[in-house]
């Protein structure tokens, strides 16, 4: 049997895709697992995220990009949308949050990317990693979930996003409690992940602070440039964040993994059409 990423997907040999010596997420009850788990939980508590750098092996990264390139270039959906940080019509957002329509936190921004859906990627490296149960169990443990389930939605369970020159994912809060991503390709410039913690909590929202973030005048915004092959878990429900505009001829390519704490979770047809152009 050939020790290649393609063979790994076909024969279920996850160790050819994932560096399990460095990231023993499949070995609960061992000292190596406990050390990794404690480090990830500490990072999540301190920073709202943790990284598993080098999670995907170099050959698997190369294979994943090779598999996805024709889909991104020819069969992806161009999602371009003007929105505010709440993804709501301005009048609805203003009424919901008790703001004037002209408040800086309601400024409109443009998000644009190209999206490939799970039903287009059967047998691909990114799908094999998503479907590997020990990773799902490890993520569940770190975020304090009793169990995580693969999302039932055939389109939304895994998405691959491509951000080209000038494209960005603008400031927003996530609907889900946490998000898991796997970076496959870093652009030549730009495209860094940026976030600002502390502006939304159970006590309310700092709308003036949000306005400063959106205007680019908040010096407390954090950022991170990660390497291809890094798996990231981010608690984005209460932390405003974005992917800054990409610059140059190399796109930012990232897989987004959606697991759910309840079984059977799907998007509505209207949500699928909005995000993917089809139901």
C-alpha atoms as a PDB file:
ATOM      1  CA  UNK A   1       0.000   0.000   0.000  1.00  0.00           C
ATOM      2  CA  UNK A   2       1.391   3.400  -0.960  1.00  0.00           C
ATOM      3  CA  UNK A   3       2.127   5.726   1.956  1.00  0.00           C
ATOM      4  CA  UNK A   4       0.563   8.789   0.372  1.00  0.00           C
ATOM      5  CA  UNK A   5      -2.206  11.159   1.484  1.00  0.00           C
ATOM      6  CA  UNK A   6      -4.470   9.678  -1.170  1.00  0.00           C
ATOM      7  CA  UNK A   7      -3.866   6.189   0.190  1.00  0.00           C
ATOM      8  CA  UNK A   8      -4.409   7.468   3.707  1.00  0.00           C
ATOM      9  CA  UNK A   9      -7.871   8.731   2.768  1.00  0.00           C
ATOM     10  CA  UNK A  10      -8.730   5.507   0.928  1.00  0.00           C
ATOM     11  CA  UNK A  11      -7.499   3.154   3.651  1.00  0.00           C
ATOM     12  CA  UNK A  12      -8.311   5.255   6.692  1.00  0.00           C
ATOM     13  CA  UNK A  13      -4.674   5.718   7.713  1.00  0.00           C
ATOM     14  CA  UNK A  14      -5.065   9.015   9.502  1.00  0.00           C
ATOM     15  CA  UNK A  15      -1.448   8.956  10.721  1.00  0.00           C
ATOM     16  CA  UNK A  16      -0.351   9.729   7.154  1.00  0.00           C
ATOM     17  CA  UNK A  17      -2.399  12.931   7.266  1.00  0.00           C
ATOM     18  CA  UNK A  18      -2.051  14.071  10.866  1.00  0.00           C
ATOM     19  CA  UNK A  19       1.136  14.358  12.942  1.00  0.00           C
ATOM     20  CA  UNK A  20      -0.024  12.177  15.815  1.00  0.00           C
ATOM     21  CA  UNK A  21       3.361  12.170  17.535  1.00  0.00           C
ATOM     22  CA  UNK A  22       3.149  15.921  17.979  1.00  0.00           C
ATOM     23  CA  UNK A  23      -0.612  16.011  18.568  1.00  0.00           C
ATOM     24  CA  UNK A  24      -1.765  12.747  20.234  1.00  0.00           C
ATOM     25  CA  UNK A  25      -5.449  13.669  20.293  1.00  0.00           C
ATOM     26  CA  UNK A  26      -6.304   9.977  19.817  1.00  0.00           C
ATOM     27  CA  UNK A  27      -4.675   8.796  23.056  1.00  0.00           C
ATOM     28  CA  UNK A  28      -6.773   9.900  26.039  1.00  0.00           C
ATOM     29  CA  UNK A  29      -5.481   8.606  29.340  1.00  0.00           C
ATOM     30  CA  UNK A  30      -1.818   9.041  28.403  1.00  0.00           C
ATOM     31  CA  UNK A  31       0.603  11.628  29.738  1.00  0.00           C
ATOM     32  CA  UNK A  32       1.148  13.040  26.239  1.00  0.00           C
ATOM     33  CA  UNK A  33      -2.591  13.545  25.741  1.00  0.00           C
ATOM     34  CA  UNK A  34      -3.008  15.111  29.166  1.00  0.00           C
ATOM     35  CA  UNK A  35      -0.188  17.585  28.502  1.00  0.00           C
ATOM     36  CA  UNK A  36      -1.682  18.589  25.141  1.00  0.00           C
ATOM     37  CA  UNK A  37      -5.181  18.824  26.589  1.00  0.00           C
ATOM     38  CA  UNK A  38      -4.100  21.015  29.504  1.00  0.00           C
ATOM     39  CA  UNK A  39      -2.163  23.351  27.210  1.00  0.00           C
ATOM     40  CA  UNK A  40      -5.141  23.732  24.839  1.00  0.00           C
ATOM     41  CA  UNK A  41      -7.573  24.389  27.700  1.00  0.00           C
ATOM     42  CA  UNK A  42      -5.220  26.984  29.193  1.00  0.00           C
ATOM     43  CA  UNK A  43      -4.854  28.760  25.827  1.00  0.00           C
ATOM     44  CA  UNK A  44      -8.616  28.697  25.315  1.00  0.00           C
ATOM     45  CA  UNK A  45      -9.209  30.234  28.737  1.00  0.00           C
ATOM     46  CA  UNK A  46      -6.524  32.885  28.325  1.00  0.00           C
ATOM     47  CA  UNK A  47      -6.922  33.813  24.661  1.00  0.00           C
ATOM     48  CA  UNK A  48     -10.282  32.424  23.529  1.00  0.00           C
ATOM     49  CA  UNK A  49      -8.538  30.008  21.163  1.00  0.00           C
ATOM     50  CA  UNK A  50      -5.886  27.357  20.779  1.00  0.00           C
ATOM     51  CA  UNK A  51      -3.740  26.249  17.837  1.00  0.00           C
ATOM     52  CA  UNK A  52      -2.418  22.831  16.869  1.00  0.00           C
ATOM     53  CA  UNK A  53       0.409  24.008  14.632  1.00  0.00           C
ATOM     54  CA  UNK A  54       1.651  21.379  12.191  1.00  0.00           C
ATOM     55  CA  UNK A  55      -1.457  19.250  12.751  1.00  0.00           C
ATOM     56  CA  UNK A  56      -1.674  18.360   9.053  1.00  0.00           C
ATOM     57  CA  UNK A  57       1.495  16.887   7.567  1.00  0.00           C
ATOM     58  CA  UNK A  58       3.207  18.769   4.679  1.00  0.00           C
ATOM     59  CA  UNK A  59       2.388  16.099   2.086  1.00  0.00           C
ATOM     60  CA  UNK A  60      -1.238  16.091   3.223  1.00  0.00           C
ATOM     61  CA  UNK A  61      -1.393  19.887   2.922  1.00  0.00           C
ATOM     62  CA  UNK A  62      -0.073  19.655  -0.625  1.00  0.00           C
ATOM     63  CA  UNK A  63      -2.573  16.927  -1.478  1.00  0.00           C
ATOM     64  CA  UNK A  64      -5.476  18.850   0.048  1.00  0.00           C
ATOM     65  CA  UNK A  65      -4.689  21.984  -1.958  1.00  0.00           C
ATOM     66  CA  UNK A  66      -4.298  19.896  -5.128  1.00  0.00           C
ATOM     67  CA  UNK A  67      -7.720  18.325  -4.570  1.00  0.00           C
ATOM     68  CA  UNK A  68      -9.403  21.633  -3.865  1.00  0.00           C
ATOM     69  CA  UNK A  69      -7.795  23.876  -6.481  1.00  0.00           C
ATOM     70  CA  UNK A  70     -10.077  22.943  -9.412  1.00  0.00           C
ATOM     71  CA  UNK A  71     -13.162  23.105  -7.187  1.00  0.00           C
ATOM     72  CA  UNK A  72     -12.253  26.555  -5.906  1.00  0.00           C
ATOM     73  CA  UNK A  73     -11.349  27.868  -9.347  1.00  0.00           C
ATOM     74  CA  UNK A  74     -14.286  26.455 -11.304  1.00  0.00           C
ATOM     75  CA  UNK A  75     -17.064  25.132  -9.030  1.00  0.00           C
ATOM     76  CA  UNK A  76     -17.130  27.431  -5.996  1.00  0.00           C
ATOM     77  CA  UNK A  77     -19.831  29.902  -5.029  1.00  0.00           C
ATOM     78  CA  UNK A  78     -18.801  33.556  -4.893  1.00  0.00           C
ATOM     79  CA  UNK A  79     -20.315  34.853  -1.677  1.00  0.00           C
ATOM     80  CA  UNK A  80     -20.229  38.659  -1.676  1.00  0.00           C
ATOM     81  CA  UNK A  81     -22.319  40.402   0.943  1.00  0.00           C
ATOM     82  CA  UNK A  82     -22.526  43.847   2.509  1.00  0.00           C
ATOM     83  CA  UNK A  83     -23.364  43.554   6.192  1.00  0.00           C
ATOM     84  CA  UNK A  84     -22.914  45.048   9.635  1.00  0.00           C
ATOM     85  CA  UNK A  85     -21.329  43.217  12.546  1.00  0.00           C
ATOM     86  CA  UNK A  86     -24.712  41.633  13.414  1.00  0.00           C
ATOM     87  CA  UNK A  87     -25.617  40.445   9.888  1.00  0.00           C
ATOM     88  CA  UNK A  88     -28.961  42.235  10.322  1.00  0.00           C
ATOM     89  CA  UNK A  89     -30.690  45.027   8.392  1.00  0.00           C
ATOM     90  CA  UNK A  90     -29.522  48.345   9.843  1.00  0.00           C
ATOM     91  CA  UNK A  91     -32.952  49.342  11.192  1.00  0.00           C
ATOM     92  CA  UNK A  92     -33.437  45.939  12.855  1.00  0.00           C
ATOM     93  CA  UNK A  93     -29.956  46.002  14.397  1.00  0.00           C
ATOM     94  CA  UNK A  94     -30.481  49.561  15.640  1.00  0.00           C
ATOM     95  CA  UNK A  95     -33.814  48.675  17.231  1.00  0.00           C
ATOM     96  CA  UNK A  96     -32.469  45.478  18.772  1.00  0.00           C
ATOM     97  CA  UNK A  97     -29.517  47.226  20.386  1.00  0.00           C
ATOM     98  CA  UNK A  98     -31.120  50.585  21.147  1.00  0.00           C
ATOM     99  CA  UNK A  99     -28.831  52.562  18.819  1.00  0.00           C
ATOM    100  CA  UNK A 100     -29.200  55.398  16.368  1.00  0.00           C
ATOM    101  CA  UNK A 101     -28.974  54.293  12.742  1.00  0.00           C
ATOM    102  CA  UNK A 102     -25.753  56.242  12.314  1.00  0.00           C
ATOM    103  CA  UNK A 103     -23.918  54.630  15.226  1.00  0.00           C
ATOM    104  CA  UNK A 104     -20.369  53.556  14.177  1.00  0.00           C
ATOM    105  CA  UNK A 105     -20.950  49.981  15.349  1.00  0.00           C
ATOM    106  CA  UNK A 106     -23.600  49.590  12.621  1.00  0.00           C
ATOM    107  CA  UNK A 107     -21.223  50.490   9.776  1.00  0.00           C
ATOM    108  CA  UNK A 108     -21.580  48.391   6.628  1.00  0.00           C
ATOM    109  CA  UNK A 109     -18.665  46.226   5.449  1.00  0.00           C
ATOM    110  CA  UNK A 110     -18.092  43.942   2.444  1.00  0.00           C
ATOM    111  CA  UNK A 111     -17.348  40.255   2.921  1.00  0.00           C
ATOM    112  CA  UNK A 112     -16.297  38.288  -0.152  1.00  0.00           C
ATOM    113  CA  UNK A 113     -14.950  34.774  -0.636  1.00  0.00           C
ATOM    114  CA  UNK A 114     -15.393  31.654  -2.696  1.00  0.00           C
ATOM    115  CA  UNK A 115     -16.943  28.642  -0.970  1.00  0.00           C
ATOM    116  CA  UNK A 116     -16.793  24.902  -1.658  1.00  0.00           C
ATOM    117  CA  UNK A 117     -19.263  22.682   0.207  1.00  0.00           C
ATOM    118  CA  UNK A 118     -18.970  19.245   1.791  1.00  0.00           C
ATOM    119  CA  UNK A 119     -21.008  17.511  -0.911  1.00  0.00           C
ATOM    120  CA  UNK A 120     -18.358  18.541  -3.465  1.00  0.00           C
ATOM    121  CA  UNK A 121     -15.424  17.061  -1.529  1.00  0.00           C
ATOM    122  CA  UNK A 122     -16.224  13.385  -0.949  1.00  0.00           C
ATOM    123  CA  UNK A 123     -13.019  11.431  -0.322  1.00  0.00           C
ATOM    124  CA  UNK A 124     -10.850  14.530   0.078  1.00  0.00           C
ATOM    125  CA  UNK A 125      -8.223  15.007   2.778  1.00  0.00           C
ATOM    126  CA  UNK A 126     -10.246  17.710   4.528  1.00  0.00           C
ATOM    127  CA  UNK A 127     -13.237  15.385   4.777  1.00  0.00           C
ATOM    128  CA  UNK A 128     -11.163  12.502   6.171  1.00  0.00           C
ATOM    129  CA  UNK A 129      -9.896  14.753   8.971  1.00  0.00           C
ATOM    130  CA  UNK A 130     -13.409  16.037   9.728  1.00  0.00           C
ATOM    131  CA  UNK A 131     -14.821  12.509   9.927  1.00  0.00           C
ATOM    132  CA  UNK A 132     -12.076  11.209  12.220  1.00  0.00           C
ATOM    133  CA  UNK A 133     -13.893  10.672  15.525  1.00  0.00           C
ATOM    134  CA  UNK A 134     -10.906  11.131  17.915  1.00  0.00           C
ATOM    135  CA  UNK A 135     -10.428  14.723  16.746  1.00  0.00           C
ATOM    136  CA  UNK A 136     -14.093  15.476  17.341  1.00  0.00           C
ATOM    137  CA  UNK A 137     -13.866  13.957  20.823  1.00  0.00           C
ATOM    138  CA  UNK A 138     -10.756  15.994  21.644  1.00  0.00           C
ATOM    139  CA  UNK A 139     -12.359  19.256  20.548  1.00  0.00           C
ATOM    140  CA  UNK A 140     -15.480  18.406  22.575  1.00  0.00           C
ATOM    141  CA  UNK A 141     -13.380  17.841  25.675  1.00  0.00           C
ATOM    142  CA  UNK A 142     -11.475  21.121  25.305  1.00  0.00           C
ATOM    143  CA  UNK A 143     -14.607  23.240  24.844  1.00  0.00           C
ATOM    144  CA  UNK A 144     -16.503  21.480  27.630  1.00  0.00           C
ATOM    145  CA  UNK A 145     -19.110  19.792  25.445  1.00  0.00           C
ATOM    146  CA  UNK A 146     -20.544  16.472  26.564  1.00  0.00           C
ATOM    147  CA  UNK A 147     -20.449  15.290  22.941  1.00  0.00           C
ATOM    148  CA  UNK A 148     -20.089  16.708  19.450  1.00  0.00           C
ATOM    149  CA  UNK A 149     -21.890  15.366  16.400  1.00  0.00           C
ATOM    150  CA  UNK A 150     -21.076  15.745  12.720  1.00  0.00           C
ATOM    151  CA  UNK A 151     -23.424  18.382  11.365  1.00  0.00           C
ATOM    152  CA  UNK A 152     -26.246  16.728   9.431  1.00  0.00           C
ATOM    153  CA  UNK A 153     -26.314  19.419   6.751  1.00  0.00           C
ATOM    154  CA  UNK A 154     -24.776  17.974   3.543  1.00  0.00           C
ATOM    155  CA  UNK A 155     -23.472  21.392   2.454  1.00  0.00           C
ATOM    156  CA  UNK A 156     -22.526  23.143   5.685  1.00  0.00           C
ATOM    157  CA  UNK A 157     -20.749  20.405   7.661  1.00  0.00           C
ATOM    158  CA  UNK A 158     -17.445  21.280   5.978  1.00  0.00           C
ATOM    159  CA  UNK A 159     -16.772  24.383   3.925  1.00  0.00           C
ATOM    160  CA  UNK A 160     -13.551  25.440   2.247  1.00  0.00           C
ATOM    161  CA  UNK A 161     -13.192  29.205   1.833  1.00  0.00           C
ATOM    162  CA  UNK A 162     -10.883  30.932  -0.627  1.00  0.00           C
ATOM    163  CA  UNK A 163     -10.012  34.605  -0.115  1.00  0.00           C
ATOM    164  CA  UNK A 164      -8.348  36.242  -3.121  1.00  0.00           C
ATOM    165  CA  UNK A 165      -6.675  39.609  -3.559  1.00  0.00           C
ATOM    166  CA  UNK A 166      -8.820  42.272  -1.884  1.00  0.00           C
ATOM    167  CA  UNK A 167     -11.290  39.784  -0.383  1.00  0.00           C
ATOM    168  CA  UNK A 168     -12.003  39.519   3.355  1.00  0.00           C
ATOM    169  CA  UNK A 169     -14.324  38.136   5.995  1.00  0.00           C
ATOM    170  CA  UNK A 170     -15.372  41.273   7.820  1.00  0.00           C
ATOM    171  CA  UNK A 171     -16.032  41.902  11.513  1.00  0.00           C
ATOM    172  CA  UNK A 172     -18.703  39.708  13.086  1.00  0.00           C
ATOM    173  CA  UNK A 173     -19.636  37.455  15.993  1.00  0.00           C
ATOM    174  CA  UNK A 174     -20.198  33.740  15.417  1.00  0.00           C
ATOM    175  CA  UNK A 175     -23.559  32.135  16.040  1.00  0.00           C
ATOM    176  CA  UNK A 176     -21.896  28.960  17.305  1.00  0.00           C
ATOM    177  CA  UNK A 177     -20.121  28.799  20.655  1.00  0.00           C
ATOM    178  CA  UNK A 178     -16.861  27.821  18.953  1.00  0.00           C
ATOM    179  CA  UNK A 179     -15.441  27.296  15.445  1.00  0.00           C
ATOM    180  CA  UNK A 180     -12.793  24.843  14.229  1.00  0.00           C
ATOM    181  CA  UNK A 181     -10.660  25.673  11.188  1.00  0.00           C
ATOM    182  CA  UNK A 182      -7.756  24.086   9.320  1.00  0.00           C
ATOM    183  CA  UNK A 183      -5.551  26.480   7.340  1.00  0.00           C
ATOM    184  CA  UNK A 184      -4.418  24.960   4.048  1.00  0.00           C
ATOM    185  CA  UNK A 185      -2.694  27.874   2.322  1.00  0.00           C
ATOM    186  CA  UNK A 186      -1.424  31.234   3.570  1.00  0.00           C
ATOM    187  CA  UNK A 187      -1.499  34.233   1.210  1.00  0.00           C
ATOM    188  CA  UNK A 188       1.577  36.237   0.270  1.00  0.00           C
ATOM    189  CA  UNK A 189       0.370  39.186   2.342  1.00  0.00           C
ATOM    190  CA  UNK A 190      -2.666  40.198   4.359  1.00  0.00           C
ATOM    191  CA  UNK A 191      -5.358  37.720   5.297  1.00  0.00           C
ATOM    192  CA  UNK A 192      -4.386  37.607   8.948  1.00  0.00           C
ATOM    193  CA  UNK A 193      -6.888  36.617  11.604  1.00  0.00           C
ATOM    194  CA  UNK A 194      -7.825  39.543  13.876  1.00  0.00           C
ATOM    195  CA  UNK A 195      -9.990  39.613  16.990  1.00  0.00           C
ATOM    196  CA  UNK A 196     -11.007  41.792  19.919  1.00  0.00           C
ATOM    197  CA  UNK A 197     -12.061  40.160  23.158  1.00  0.00           C
ATOM    198  CA  UNK A 198     -14.144  41.751  25.914  1.00  0.00           C
ATOM    199  CA  UNK A 199     -16.753  43.728  23.969  1.00  0.00           C
ATOM    200  CA  UNK A 200     -19.646  41.293  24.378  1.00  0.00           C
ATOM    201  CA  UNK A 201     -20.677  39.294  27.428  1.00  0.00           C
ATOM    202  CA  UNK A 202     -23.726  38.254  29.392  1.00  0.00           C
ATOM    203  CA  UNK A 203     -23.721  41.789  30.814  1.00  0.00           C
ATOM    204  CA  UNK A 204     -24.191  43.403  27.391  1.00  0.00           C
ATOM    205  CA  UNK A 205     -22.286  44.895  24.438  1.00  0.00           C
ATOM    206  CA  UNK A 206     -19.776  47.739  24.343  1.00  0.00           C
ATOM    207  CA  UNK A 207     -21.114  49.348  21.167  1.00  0.00           C
ATOM    208  CA  UNK A 208     -18.704  52.281  21.279  1.00  0.00           C
ATOM    209  CA  UNK A 209     -15.833  49.825  21.518  1.00  0.00           C
ATOM    210  CA  UNK A 210     -17.239  47.898  18.568  1.00  0.00           C
ATOM    211  CA  UNK A 211     -17.376  51.111  16.577  1.00  0.00           C
ATOM    212  CA  UNK A 212     -13.678  51.709  17.266  1.00  0.00           C
ATOM    213  CA  UNK A 213     -12.789  48.195  16.140  1.00  0.00           C
ATOM    214  CA  UNK A 214     -14.713  48.595  12.885  1.00  0.00           C
ATOM    215  CA  UNK A 215     -13.182  52.024  12.275  1.00  0.00           C
ATOM    216  CA  UNK A 216      -9.680  50.603  12.833  1.00  0.00           C
ATOM    217  CA  UNK A 217      -8.903  52.857  15.809  1.00  0.00           C
ATOM    218  CA  UNK A 218      -8.813  50.249  18.609  1.00  0.00           C
ATOM    219  CA  UNK A 219      -5.203  49.525  19.564  1.00  0.00           C
ATOM    220  CA  UNK A 220      -6.299  46.444  21.569  1.00  0.00           C
ATOM    221  CA  UNK A 221      -7.154  44.361  18.498  1.00  0.00           C
ATOM    222  CA  UNK A 222      -5.122  41.136  18.509  1.00  0.00           C
ATOM    223  CA  UNK A 223      -3.938  39.336  15.397  1.00  0.00           C
ATOM    224  CA  UNK A 224      -2.340  36.076  14.446  1.00  0.00           C
ATOM    225  CA  UNK A 225      -0.585  34.804  11.330  1.00  0.00           C
ATOM    226  CA  UNK A 226      -0.676  31.002  11.321  1.00  0.00           C
ATOM    227  CA  UNK A 227       1.102  28.508   9.111  1.00  0.00           C
ATOM    228  CA  UNK A 228      -0.574  26.135   6.699  1.00  0.00           C
ATOM    229  CA  UNK A 229      -1.475  22.885   8.427  1.00  0.00           C
ATOM    230  CA  UNK A 230      -2.557  24.591  11.680  1.00  0.00           C
ATOM    231  CA  UNK A 231      -5.827  23.517  13.265  1.00  0.00           C
ATOM    232  CA  UNK A 232      -7.474  26.268  15.311  1.00  0.00           C
ATOM    233  CA  UNK A 233     -10.368  26.193  17.775  1.00  0.00           C
ATOM    234  CA  UNK A 234     -11.816  29.634  18.479  1.00  0.00           C
ATOM    235  CA  UNK A 235     -14.593  30.740  20.836  1.00  0.00           C
ATOM    236  CA  UNK A 236     -16.096  33.378  18.555  1.00  0.00           C
ATOM    237  CA  UNK A 237     -19.606  33.823  19.934  1.00  0.00           C
ATOM    238  CA  UNK A 238     -18.595  36.644  22.273  1.00  0.00           C
ATOM    239  CA  UNK A 239     -15.403  37.786  20.509  1.00  0.00           C
ATOM    240  CA  UNK A 240     -15.686  40.024  17.445  1.00  0.00           C
ATOM    241  CA  UNK A 241     -13.274  38.901  14.724  1.00  0.00           C
ATOM    242  CA  UNK A 242     -12.450  39.013  11.032  1.00  0.00           C
ATOM    243  CA  UNK A 243     -10.083  37.841   8.305  1.00  0.00           C
ATOM    244  CA  UNK A 244      -8.327  40.989   7.044  1.00  0.00           C
ATOM    245  CA  UNK A 245      -8.160  41.639   3.274  1.00  0.00           C
ATOM    246  CA  UNK A 246      -5.799  39.389   1.332  1.00  0.00           C
ATOM    247  CA  UNK A 247      -3.096  40.918  -0.877  1.00  0.00           C
ATOM    248  CA  UNK A 248      -1.314  39.259  -3.764  1.00  0.00           C
ATOM    249  CA  UNK A 249      -1.784  36.404  -6.209  1.00  0.00           C
ATOM    250  CA  UNK A 250      -1.907  33.560  -3.655  1.00  0.00           C
ATOM    251  CA  UNK A 251      -5.292  33.058  -2.005  1.00  0.00           C
ATOM    252  CA  UNK A 252      -5.971  32.218   1.610  1.00  0.00           C
ATOM    253  CA  UNK A 253      -7.453  28.718   1.666  1.00  0.00           C
ATOM    254  CA  UNK A 254      -9.074  27.401   4.830  1.00  0.00           C
ATOM    255  CA  UNK A 255     -11.403  24.557   5.823  1.00  0.00           C
ATOM    256  CA  UNK A 256     -14.156  25.309   8.344  1.00  0.00           C
ATOM    257  CA  UNK A 257     -15.393  22.329  10.365  1.00  0.00           C
ATOM    258  CA  UNK A 258     -18.898  22.476  11.842  1.00  0.00           C
ATOM    259  CA  UNK A 259     -19.796  20.071  14.620  1.00  0.00           C
ATOM    260  CA  UNK A 260     -22.901  20.425  16.765  1.00  0.00           C
ATOM    261  CA  UNK A 261     -23.710  19.656  20.378  1.00  0.00           C
ATOM    262  CA  UNK A 262     -27.044  18.190  19.236  1.00  0.00           C
ATOM    263  CA  UNK A 263     -27.551  15.543  16.571  1.00  0.00           C
ATOM    264  CA  UNK A 264     -29.341  16.356  13.320  1.00  0.00           C
ATOM    265  CA  UNK A 265     -28.475  20.062  13.022  1.00  0.00           C
ATOM    266  CA  UNK A 266     -28.990  21.566   9.554  1.00  0.00           C
ATOM    267  CA  UNK A 267     -29.333  24.947   7.894  1.00  0.00           C
ATOM    268  CA  UNK A 268     -32.628  26.090   6.433  1.00  0.00           C
ATOM    269  CA  UNK A 269     -33.037  26.271   2.666  1.00  0.00           C
ATOM    270  CA  UNK A 270     -32.938  30.065   2.899  1.00  0.00           C
ATOM    271  CA  UNK A 271     -29.634  29.949   4.814  1.00  0.00           C
ATOM    272  CA  UNK A 272     -28.120  27.528   2.288  1.00  0.00           C
ATOM    273  CA  UNK A 273     -29.134  29.758  -0.612  1.00  0.00           C
ATOM    274  CA  UNK A 274     -27.698  32.800   1.143  1.00  0.00           C
ATOM    275  CA  UNK A 275     -24.368  31.157   1.922  1.00  0.00           C
ATOM    276  CA  UNK A 276     -23.964  28.762  -1.023  1.00  0.00           C
ATOM    277  CA  UNK A 277     -26.353  29.856  -3.767  1.00  0.00           C
ATOM    278  CA  UNK A 278     -28.259  26.570  -3.654  1.00  0.00           C
ATOM    279  CA  UNK A 279     -30.392  24.543  -1.301  1.00  0.00           C
END
